[in-house]
Protein backbone atom coordinates (compact mmCIF):
# COMPACT_ATOMS: atom_id res chain seq x y z
CA UNK A 1 -21.33 -16.34 -20.32
CA UNK A 2 -20.26 -14.32 -17.31
CA UNK A 3 -17.35 -12.07 -17.85
CA UNK A 4 -14.67 -12.41 -15.05
CA UNK A 5 -12.92 -8.99 -13.79
CA UNK A 6 -9.14 -9.17 -14.00
CA UNK A 7 -7.51 -9.35 -10.61
CA UNK A 8 -6.80 -6.14 -9.02
CA UNK A 9 -3.34 -4.89 -9.22
CA UNK A 10 -2.05 -2.95 -5.97
CA UNK A 11 1.05 -0.92 -5.95
CA UNK A 12 2.60 -0.61 -2.49
CA UNK A 13 4.45 2.26 -0.84
CA UNK A 14 6.80 1.45 2.08
CA UNK A 15 4.54 2.52 5.02
CA UNK A 16 2.03 -0.26 4.73
CA UNK A 17 4.71 -2.88 4.00
CA UNK A 18 7.08 -1.70 6.79
CA UNK A 19 4.45 -1.68 9.58
CA UNK A 20 2.42 -5.03 8.42
CA UNK A 21 6.13 -6.72 8.68
CA UNK A 22 7.12 -4.89 11.97
CA UNK A 23 3.86 -6.27 13.40
CA UNK A 24 4.67 -9.67 12.06
CA UNK A 25 1.59 -9.61 9.79
CA UNK A 26 2.93 -9.55 6.43
CA UNK A 27 1.52 -13.15 5.92
CA UNK A 28 -1.88 -11.84 7.01
CA UNK A 29 -1.53 -9.03 4.23
CA UNK A 30 -0.53 -11.58 1.68
CA UNK A 31 -3.65 -13.87 2.55
CA UNK A 32 -6.04 -10.65 2.53
CA UNK A 33 -4.77 -9.97 -1.15
CA UNK A 34 -4.80 -13.48 -2.42
CA UNK A 35 -5.93 -13.48 -6.16
CA UNK A 36 -4.56 -9.94 -6.52
CA UNK A 37 -1.29 -8.79 -8.19
CA UNK A 38 0.83 -7.16 -5.73
CA UNK A 39 3.75 -4.77 -6.76
CA UNK A 40 6.22 -2.42 -5.28
CA UNK A 41 9.18 -0.55 -6.83
CA UNK A 42 12.96 -0.64 -6.39
CA UNK A 43 12.82 2.72 -4.71
CA UNK A 44 10.44 1.38 -2.01
CA UNK A 45 12.53 -1.73 -1.65
CA UNK A 46 15.71 0.52 -1.04
CA UNK A 47 13.71 2.47 1.67
CA UNK A 48 12.67 -0.84 3.21
CA UNK A 49 16.28 -2.11 3.06
CA UNK A 50 17.66 0.95 4.60
CA UNK A 51 15.46 0.25 7.64
CA UNK A 52 16.51 -3.34 8.10
CA UNK A 53 19.33 -2.52 10.57
CA UNK A 54 16.93 -0.79 12.93
CA UNK A 55 14.00 -3.07 12.37
CA UNK A 56 15.17 -6.63 11.35
CA UNK A 57 11.62 -7.79 10.64
CA UNK A 58 11.60 -5.74 7.48
CA UNK A 59 13.83 -8.31 5.79
CA UNK A 60 10.64 -10.25 5.55
CA UNK A 61 9.35 -7.63 2.97
CA UNK A 62 12.67 -8.06 1.04
CA UNK A 63 12.39 -11.88 1.04
CA UNK A 64 8.60 -12.09 0.10
CA UNK A 65 7.68 -14.04 -3.07
CA UNK A 66 4.17 -12.50 -3.40
CA UNK A 67 5.24 -8.86 -3.96
CA UNK A 68 6.76 -8.41 -7.46
CA UNK A 69 8.84 -5.36 -8.61
CA UNK A 70 7.27 -2.88 -11.04
CA UNK A 71 9.88 -2.00 -13.50
CA UNK A 72 10.48 1.63 -14.24
CA UNK A 73 13.16 1.48 -16.90
CA UNK A 74 11.78 1.90 -20.34
CA UNK A 75 11.55 5.53 -21.67
CA UNK A 76 7.65 5.69 -21.18
CA UNK A 77 8.11 4.39 -17.35
CA UNK A 78 10.88 6.87 -16.74
CA UNK A 79 8.92 9.77 -18.33
CA UNK A 80 5.87 8.77 -16.02
CA UNK A 81 8.07 8.64 -13.06
CA UNK A 82 9.50 12.01 -13.67
CA UNK A 83 6.05 13.31 -14.07
CA UNK A 84 5.03 12.12 -10.58
CA UNK A 85 8.15 13.32 -9.04
CA UNK A 86 7.40 16.89 -10.27
CA UNK A 87 3.71 16.41 -9.08
CA UNK A 88 4.76 15.06 -5.59
CA UNK A 89 8.13 16.55 -4.86
CA UNK A 90 11.62 15.40 -5.43
CA UNK A 91 12.89 15.14 -1.71
CA UNK A 92 14.13 11.62 -0.94
CA UNK A 93 11.00 11.07 1.17
CA UNK A 94 8.69 11.59 -1.91
CA UNK A 95 10.40 9.37 -4.32
CA UNK A 96 8.91 6.10 -3.10
CA UNK A 97 5.26 7.65 -3.62
CA UNK A 98 6.42 8.99 -6.79
CA UNK A 99 7.71 5.54 -8.05
CA UNK A 100 4.59 3.86 -6.70
CA UNK A 101 2.26 6.16 -8.45
CA UNK A 102 3.89 6.06 -11.61
CA UNK A 103 3.85 2.32 -11.50
CA UNK A 104 0.30 2.25 -10.52
CA UNK A 105 -0.74 4.54 -13.39
CA UNK A 106 1.20 2.36 -15.97
CA UNK A 107 -0.32 -0.84 -14.58
CA UNK A 108 -3.61 0.76 -14.19
CA UNK A 109 -3.58 -0.38 -10.52
CA UNK A 110 -4.29 1.01 -7.28
CA UNK A 111 -1.52 3.00 -5.35
CA UNK A 112 -1.31 2.07 -1.57
CA UNK A 113 0.02 4.68 0.69
CA UNK A 114 -0.93 6.27 4.00
CA UNK A 115 0.91 9.50 3.14
CA UNK A 116 -2.05 12.05 3.31
CA UNK A 117 -0.43 14.70 1.23
CA UNK A 118 0.67 12.05 -1.50
CA UNK A 119 -2.89 10.58 -1.45
CA UNK A 120 -4.27 14.19 -2.13
CA UNK A 121 -2.01 14.79 -5.07
CA UNK A 122 -2.48 11.41 -6.60
CA UNK A 123 -6.22 11.92 -6.38
CA UNK A 124 -6.08 15.38 -7.79
CA UNK A 125 -4.52 13.78 -10.86
CA UNK A 126 -6.99 11.17 -11.33
CA UNK A 127 -4.93 8.13 -9.85
CA UNK A 128 -6.87 5.68 -7.66
CA UNK A 129 -5.03 5.88 -4.21
CA UNK A 130 -6.09 4.28 -0.93
CA UNK A 131 -4.41 3.27 2.41
CA UNK A 132 -4.26 0.49 4.92
CA UNK A 133 -7.69 1.17 6.48
CA UNK A 134 -9.17 1.01 2.92
CA UNK A 135 -7.45 -2.54 2.38
CA UNK A 136 -8.83 -3.82 5.70
CA UNK A 137 -12.40 -2.59 4.88
CA UNK A 138 -12.25 -4.30 1.46
CA UNK A 139 -11.02 -7.34 2.90
CA UNK A 140 -13.82 -7.24 5.40
CA UNK A 141 -16.21 -6.42 2.61
CA UNK A 142 -14.93 -9.47 0.50
CA UNK A 143 -15.37 -11.84 3.49
CA UNK A 144 -11.81 -12.39 4.15
CA UNK A 145 -11.75 -10.64 7.71
CA UNK A 146 -14.38 -9.68 10.27
CA UNK A 147 -14.56 -6.29 11.82
CA UNK A 148 -12.96 -7.47 15.22
CA UNK A 149 -10.04 -9.13 13.35
CA UNK A 150 -9.46 -5.71 11.44
CA UNK A 151 -9.53 -3.89 14.54
CA UNK A 152 -7.06 -6.24 16.01
CA UNK A 153 -4.72 -5.58 12.83
CA UNK A 154 -5.08 -1.77 13.39
CA UNK A 155 -3.91 -2.13 16.93
CA UNK A 156 -0.94 -4.18 15.92
CA UNK A 157 -0.04 -1.76 13.25
CA UNK A 158 -0.38 1.23 15.78
CA UNK A 159 1.77 -0.60 18.23
CA UNK A 160 4.57 -0.41 15.58
CA UNK A 161 4.11 3.40 15.47
CA UNK A 162 2.03 3.48 12.34
CA UNK A 163 -0.24 6.57 12.43
CA UNK A 164 -3.79 5.77 11.51
CA UNK A 165 -7.15 7.79 11.50
CA UNK A 166 -8.88 5.31 13.73
CA UNK A 167 -7.86 2.77 16.63
CA UNK A 168 -8.87 -0.81 16.40
CA UNK A 169 -11.87 -0.23 18.68
CA UNK A 170 -13.21 2.74 16.47
CA UNK A 171 -12.35 1.01 13.20
CA UNK A 172 -15.78 -0.09 12.52
CA UNK A 173 -17.59 3.11 13.14
CA UNK A 174 -14.71 4.97 11.22
CA UNK A 175 -15.13 2.72 8.11
CA UNK A 176 -18.99 3.13 8.06
CA UNK A 177 -18.73 6.81 8.64
CA UNK A 178 -16.13 7.46 5.84
CA UNK A 179 -16.09 4.79 3.30
CA UNK A 180 -18.77 3.47 0.86
CA UNK A 181 -18.99 -0.28 1.45
């Protein structure tokens, strides 16, 4: 009898969701994550909501039915959030990452953020944290995407102002050089 692994849990910070929505590729992100549990937090939703006036495409994030809300309201959850606020910082800019990291820890999931400093802090405290390029490389590894399609997504995200460590044309070499596939 074969053992099946539970579906991975991904907890999203605003940056990835923001730029996939602005690039009109939120449906692609959903398809790449099919079979996974996808979460975000109320803090991240409020960050997204605050940007809707300037970028109406962000409304798609708020309307999506595949991205559930991780609750952070029990004593244990609030305590975990407070711990991550202390680790990452308490500025408004860091509260989204702290909420994502606490939700990922509590769900034994993977935090998804492209904030380099937050990634460094999360990993230093034993949390599994990855960014958008990792998600694309994972989808490619799983046969949901080929390298050219991943590069096209990278270019679409960059066109929205997202800062990524590679361009679409250098995506493949970047992934081969920096990630174990």
